[in-house]
Amino acid sequence: NDLRLTIDQVLHMDRNDYYGGESSSLDLVQLWKRFRGDNKPPEQLDSSKEYNVDMIPKVLF
């Protein structure tokens, strides 16, 4: 048997600036844009990478 490594390139095109669709985790600026449209988010969200919000609720055990 001959094992070979194949590397394929994939171009992913999405209209959103985040990956994952309905199951994504958004930072605060992305969350603002998703629900408030293209309005400029408040300056307090500049450090938006500190928090993420899951769009699908999770069950914790």
PDB file of N, CA and C in Angstrom:
ATOM      1  N   ASN A   1       0.834  -1.190   0.000  1.00  0.00           N
ATOM      2  CA  ASN A   1       0.000   0.000   0.000  1.00  0.00           C
ATOM      3  C   ASN A   1       0.871   1.244   0.000  1.00  0.00           C
ATOM      4  N   ASP A   2       0.467   2.184  -0.761  1.00  0.00           N
ATOM      5  CA  ASP A   2       1.215   3.424  -0.887  1.00  0.00           C
ATOM      6  C   ASP A   2       0.413   4.543  -0.214  1.00  0.00           C
ATOM      7  N   LEU A   3       0.956   5.107   0.872  1.00  0.00           N
ATOM      8  CA  LEU A   3       0.285   6.199   1.572  1.00  0.00           C
ATOM      9  C   LEU A   3       0.780   7.524   1.024  1.00  0.00           C
ATOM     10  N   ARG A   4      -0.125   8.385   0.682  1.00  0.00           N
ATOM     11  CA  ARG A   4       0.246   9.693   0.138  1.00  0.00           C
ATOM     12  C   ARG A   4      -0.508  10.778   0.878  1.00  0.00           C
ATOM     13  N   LEU A   5       0.152  11.887   1.042  1.00  0.00           N
ATOM     14  CA  LEU A   5      -0.462  13.054   1.667  1.00  0.00           C
ATOM     15  C   LEU A   5      -0.963  13.980   0.570  1.00  0.00           C
ATOM     16  N   THR A   6      -2.225  14.277   0.595  1.00  0.00           N
ATOM     17  CA  THR A   6      -2.817  15.180  -0.382  1.00  0.00           C
ATOM     18  C   THR A   6      -3.289  16.425   0.338  1.00  0.00           C
ATOM     19  N   ILE A   7      -2.861  17.562  -0.132  1.00  0.00           N
ATOM     20  CA  ILE A   7      -3.285  18.837   0.443  1.00  0.00           C
ATOM     21  C   ILE A   7      -4.164  19.536  -0.580  1.00  0.00           C
ATOM     22  N   ASP A   8      -5.411  19.755  -0.196  1.00  0.00           N
ATOM     23  CA  ASP A   8      -6.350  20.460  -1.060  1.00  0.00           C
ATOM     24  C   ASP A   8      -6.598  21.836  -0.478  1.00  0.00           C
ATOM     25  N   GLN A   9      -6.818  22.784  -1.340  1.00  0.00           N
ATOM     26  CA  GLN A   9      -7.138  24.135  -0.897  1.00  0.00           C
ATOM     27  C   GLN A   9      -8.621  24.368  -1.104  1.00  0.00           C
ATOM     28  N   VAL A  10      -9.233  24.995  -0.099  1.00  0.00           N
ATOM     29  CA  VAL A  10     -10.665  25.262  -0.146  1.00  0.00           C
ATOM     30  C   VAL A  10     -10.881  26.748   0.053  1.00  0.00           C
ATOM     31  N   LEU A  11     -11.681  27.339  -0.802  1.00  0.00           N
ATOM     32  CA  LEU A  11     -12.066  28.736  -0.659  1.00  0.00           C
ATOM     33  C   LEU A  11     -13.450  28.766  -0.036  1.00  0.00           C
ATOM     34  N   HIS A  12     -13.548  29.360   1.143  1.00  0.00           N
ATOM     35  CA  HIS A  12     -14.826  29.464   1.849  1.00  0.00           C
ATOM     36  C   HIS A  12     -15.337  30.886   1.696  1.00  0.00           C
ATOM     37  N   MET A  13     -16.491  31.034   1.066  1.00  0.00           N
ATOM     38  CA  MET A  13     -17.080  32.364   0.883  1.00  0.00           C
ATOM     39  C   MET A  13     -18.332  32.448   1.743  1.00  0.00           C
ATOM     40  N   ASP A  14     -18.402  33.496   2.534  1.00  0.00           N
ATOM     41  CA  ASP A  14     -19.518  33.674   3.449  1.00  0.00           C
ATOM     42  C   ASP A  14     -19.847  35.148   3.524  1.00  0.00           C
ATOM     43  N   ARG A  15     -21.118  35.477   3.601  1.00  0.00           N
ATOM     44  CA  ARG A  15     -21.495  36.885   3.689  1.00  0.00           C
ATOM     45  C   ARG A  15     -21.274  37.450   5.086  1.00  0.00           C
ATOM     46  N   ASN A  16     -21.086  36.582   6.071  1.00  0.00           N
ATOM     47  CA  ASN A  16     -20.849  37.024   7.447  1.00  0.00           C
ATOM     48  C   ASN A  16     -19.364  37.239   7.696  1.00  0.00           C
ATOM     49  N   ASP A  17     -19.032  38.071   8.673  1.00  0.00           N
ATOM     50  CA  ASP A  17     -17.622  38.271   9.027  1.00  0.00           C
ATOM     51  C   ASP A  17     -17.198  37.327  10.147  1.00  0.00           C
ATOM     52  N   TYR A  18     -17.990  36.281  10.370  1.00  0.00           N
ATOM     53  CA  TYR A  18     -17.664  35.271  11.368  1.00  0.00           C
ATOM     54  C   TYR A  18     -17.958  33.908  10.764  1.00  0.00           C
ATOM     55  N   TYR A  19     -17.384  32.874  11.346  1.00  0.00           N
ATOM     56  CA  TYR A  19     -17.551  31.525  10.833  1.00  0.00           C
ATOM     57  C   TYR A  19     -18.475  30.736  11.754  1.00  0.00           C
ATOM     58  N   GLY A  20     -19.343  29.938  11.207  1.00  0.00           N
ATOM     59  CA  GLY A  20     -20.150  29.055  12.023  1.00  0.00           C
ATOM     60  C   GLY A  20     -21.646  29.211  11.873  1.00  0.00           C
ATOM     61  N   GLY A  21     -22.103  30.208  11.176  1.00  0.00           N
ATOM     62  CA  GLY A  21     -23.535  30.381  10.960  1.00  0.00           C
ATOM     63  C   GLY A  21     -24.301  30.562  12.254  1.00  0.00           C
ATOM     64  N   GLU A  22     -25.365  29.782  12.410  1.00  0.00           N
ATOM     65  CA  GLU A  22     -26.230  29.923  13.581  1.00  0.00           C
ATOM     66  C   GLU A  22     -25.599  29.383  14.857  1.00  0.00           C
ATOM     67  N   SER A  23     -24.546  28.588  14.744  1.00  0.00           N
ATOM     68  CA  SER A  23     -23.921  28.002  15.932  1.00  0.00           C
ATOM     69  C   SER A  23     -22.608  28.682  16.296  1.00  0.00           C
ATOM     70  N   SER A  24     -22.402  29.882  15.824  1.00  0.00           N
ATOM     71  CA  SER A  24     -21.124  30.571  16.033  1.00  0.00           C
ATOM     72  C   SER A  24     -21.041  31.220  17.410  1.00  0.00           C
ATOM     73  N   SER A  25     -19.832  31.599  17.775  1.00  0.00           N
ATOM     74  CA  SER A  25     -19.576  32.416  18.958  1.00  0.00           C
ATOM     75  C   SER A  25     -19.104  33.773  18.462  1.00  0.00           C
ATOM     76  N   LEU A  26     -19.778  34.826  18.886  1.00  0.00           N
ATOM     77  CA  LEU A  26     -19.481  36.167  18.393  1.00  0.00           C
ATOM     78  C   LEU A  26     -18.846  37.011  19.476  1.00  0.00           C
ATOM     79  N   ASP A  27     -17.871  37.848  19.080  1.00  0.00           N
ATOM     80  CA  ASP A  27     -17.377  38.837  20.037  1.00  0.00           C
ATOM     81  C   ASP A  27     -18.412  39.956  20.127  1.00  0.00           C
ATOM     82  N   LEU A  28     -18.210  40.909  21.011  1.00  0.00           N
ATOM     83  CA  LEU A  28     -19.243  41.907  21.282  1.00  0.00           C
ATOM     84  C   LEU A  28     -19.541  42.815  20.093  1.00  0.00           C
ATOM     85  N   VAL A  29     -18.524  43.150  19.302  1.00  0.00           N
ATOM     86  CA  VAL A  29     -18.758  43.989  18.119  1.00  0.00           C
ATOM     87  C   VAL A  29     -19.558  43.208  17.076  1.00  0.00           C
ATOM     88  N   GLN A  30     -19.209  41.952  16.853  1.00  0.00           N
ATOM     89  CA  GLN A  30     -19.958  41.127  15.908  1.00  0.00           C
ATOM     90  C   GLN A  30     -21.400  40.945  16.373  1.00  0.00           C
ATOM     91  N   LEU A  31     -21.589  40.761  17.674  1.00  0.00           N
ATOM     92  CA  LEU A  31     -22.933  40.622  18.226  1.00  0.00           C
ATOM     93  C   LEU A  31     -23.738  41.896  18.010  1.00  0.00           C
ATOM     94  N   TRP A  32     -23.104  43.041  18.236  1.00  0.00           N
ATOM     95  CA  TRP A  32     -23.761  44.335  18.012  1.00  0.00           C
ATOM     96  C   TRP A  32     -24.211  44.460  16.553  1.00  0.00           C
ATOM     97  N   LYS A  33     -23.302  44.162  15.627  1.00  0.00           N
ATOM     98  CA  LYS A  33     -23.615  44.296  14.201  1.00  0.00           C
ATOM     99  C   LYS A  33     -24.709  43.326  13.766  1.00  0.00           C
ATOM    100  N   ARG A  34     -24.720  42.150  14.368  1.00  0.00           N
ATOM    101  CA  ARG A  34     -25.731  41.160  13.989  1.00  0.00           C
ATOM    102  C   ARG A  34     -27.139  41.617  14.364  1.00  0.00           C
ATOM    103  N   PHE A  35     -27.297  42.216  15.540  1.00  0.00           N
ATOM    104  CA  PHE A  35     -28.636  42.571  16.002  1.00  0.00           C
ATOM    105  C   PHE A  35     -28.980  44.047  15.851  1.00  0.00           C
ATOM    106  N   ARG A  36     -27.984  44.898  15.666  1.00  0.00           N
ATOM    107  CA  ARG A  36     -28.237  46.333  15.516  1.00  0.00           C
ATOM    108  C   ARG A  36     -27.933  46.839  14.113  1.00  0.00           C
ATOM    109  N   GLY A  37     -27.534  45.957  13.229  1.00  0.00           N
ATOM    110  CA  GLY A  37     -27.232  46.368  11.860  1.00  0.00           C
ATOM    111  C   GLY A  37     -25.853  46.980  11.747  1.00  0.00           C
ATOM    112  N   ASP A  38     -25.678  47.816  10.756  1.00  0.00           N
ATOM    113  CA  ASP A  38     -24.370  48.408  10.492  1.00  0.00           C
ATOM    114  C   ASP A  38     -24.107  49.674  11.289  1.00  0.00           C
ATOM    115  N   ASN A  39     -24.974  49.983  12.254  1.00  0.00           N
ATOM    116  CA  ASN A  39     -24.716  51.149  13.103  1.00  0.00           C
ATOM    117  C   ASN A  39     -23.397  50.967  13.834  1.00  0.00           C
ATOM    118  N   LYS A  40     -22.697  52.041  14.053  1.00  0.00           N
ATOM    119  CA  LYS A  40     -21.405  51.973  14.732  1.00  0.00           C
ATOM    120  C   LYS A  40     -21.608  51.563  16.194  1.00  0.00           C
ATOM    121  N   PRO A  41     -20.887  50.528  16.645  1.00  0.00           N
ATOM    122  CA  PRO A  41     -21.028  50.103  18.040  1.00  0.00           C
ATOM    123  C   PRO A  41     -20.426  51.128  18.996  1.00  0.00           C
ATOM    124  N   PRO A  42     -20.864  51.135  20.255  1.00  0.00           N
ATOM    125  CA  PRO A  42     -20.315  52.071  21.238  1.00  0.00           C
ATOM    126  C   PRO A  42     -18.815  51.856  21.441  1.00  0.00           C
ATOM    127  N   GLU A  43     -18.126  52.908  21.834  1.00  0.00           N
ATOM    128  CA  GLU A  43     -16.673  52.828  22.041  1.00  0.00           C
ATOM    129  C   GLU A  43     -16.306  51.853  23.152  1.00  0.00           C
ATOM    130  N   GLN A  44     -17.208  51.599  24.080  1.00  0.00           N
ATOM    131  CA  GLN A  44     -16.928  50.672  25.177  1.00  0.00           C
ATOM    132  C   GLN A  44     -16.681  49.248  24.673  1.00  0.00           C
ATOM    133  N   LEU A  45     -17.085  48.961  23.462  1.00  0.00           N
ATOM    134  CA  LEU A  45     -16.901  47.619  22.909  1.00  0.00           C
ATOM    135  C   LEU A  45     -15.569  47.459  22.186  1.00  0.00           C
ATOM    136  N   ASP A  46     -14.694  48.452  22.284  1.00  0.00           N
ATOM    137  CA  ASP A  46     -13.398  48.369  21.603  1.00  0.00           C
ATOM    138  C   ASP A  46     -12.606  47.137  22.011  1.00  0.00           C
ATOM    139  N   SER A  47     -12.684  46.750  23.271  1.00  0.00           N
ATOM    140  CA  SER A  47     -11.957  45.565  23.740  1.00  0.00           C
ATOM    141  C   SER A  47     -12.869  44.344  23.655  1.00  0.00           C
ATOM    142  N   SER A  48     -13.521  44.185  22.520  1.00  0.00           N
ATOM    143  CA  SER A  48     -14.557  43.162  22.370  1.00  0.00           C
ATOM    144  C   SER A  48     -14.010  41.743  22.350  1.00  0.00           C
ATOM    145  N   LYS A  49     -12.715  41.567  22.195  1.00  0.00           N
ATOM    146  CA  LYS A  49     -12.138  40.222  22.142  1.00  0.00           C
ATOM    147  C   LYS A  49     -12.081  39.563  23.518  1.00  0.00           C
ATOM    148  N   GLU A  50     -12.403  40.318  24.565  1.00  0.00           N
ATOM    149  CA  GLU A  50     -12.363  39.759  25.916  1.00  0.00           C
ATOM    150  C   GLU A  50     -13.546  38.836  26.195  1.00  0.00           C
ATOM    151  N   TYR A  51     -14.640  38.994  25.453  1.00  0.00           N
ATOM    152  CA  TYR A  51     -15.848  38.211  25.686  1.00  0.00           C
ATOM    153  C   TYR A  51     -16.389  37.686  24.367  1.00  0.00           C
ATOM    154  N   ASN A  52     -16.971  36.489  24.420  1.00  0.00           N
ATOM    155  CA  ASN A  52     -17.679  35.906  23.285  1.00  0.00           C
ATOM    156  C   ASN A  52     -19.036  35.415  23.759  1.00  0.00           C
ATOM    157  N   VAL A  53     -20.012  35.468  22.871  1.00  0.00           N
ATOM    158  CA  VAL A  53     -21.361  35.015  23.181  1.00  0.00           C
ATOM    159  C   VAL A  53     -21.717  33.904  22.203  1.00  0.00           C
ATOM    160  N   ASP A  54     -22.071  32.720  22.737  1.00  0.00           N
ATOM    161  CA  ASP A  54     -22.506  31.614  21.889  1.00  0.00           C
ATOM    162  C   ASP A  54     -23.916  31.878  21.404  1.00  0.00           C
ATOM    163  N   MET A  55     -24.157  31.646  20.132  1.00  0.00           N
ATOM    164  CA  MET A  55     -25.475  31.881  19.564  1.00  0.00           C
ATOM    165  C   MET A  55     -26.439  30.727  19.838  1.00  0.00           C
ATOM    166  N   ILE A  56     -25.910  29.573  20.215  1.00  0.00           N
ATOM    167  CA  ILE A  56     -26.752  28.432  20.580  1.00  0.00           C
ATOM    168  C   ILE A  56     -26.497  28.121  22.047  1.00  0.00           C
ATOM    169  N   PRO A  57     -27.558  28.044  22.847  1.00  0.00           N
ATOM    170  CA  PRO A  57     -27.377  27.745  24.276  1.00  0.00           C
ATOM    171  C   PRO A  57     -26.711  26.388  24.472  1.00  0.00           C
ATOM    172  N   LYS A  58     -25.892  26.301  25.480  1.00  0.00           N
ATOM    173  CA  LYS A  58     -25.194  25.059  25.814  1.00  0.00           C
ATOM    174  C   LYS A  58     -25.720  24.542  27.150  1.00  0.00           C
ATOM    175  N   VAL A  59     -25.693  23.235  27.313  1.00  0.00           N
ATOM    176  CA  VAL A  59     -26.098  22.613  28.568  1.00  0.00           C
ATOM    177  C   VAL A  59     -24.837  22.257  29.335  1.00  0.00           C
ATOM    178  N   LEU A  60     -24.743  22.733  30.561  1.00  0.00           N
ATOM    179  CA  LEU A  60     -23.593  22.424  31.407  1.00  0.00           C
ATOM    180  C   LEU A  60     -24.003  21.402  32.453  1.00  0.00           C
ATOM    181  N   PHE A  61     -23.213  20.365  32.593  1.00  0.00           N
ATOM    182  CA  PHE A  61     -23.491  19.338  33.600  1.00  0.00           C
ATOM    183  C   PHE A  61     -22.486  19.417  34.699  1.00  0.00           C
TER     184      PHE A  61
END
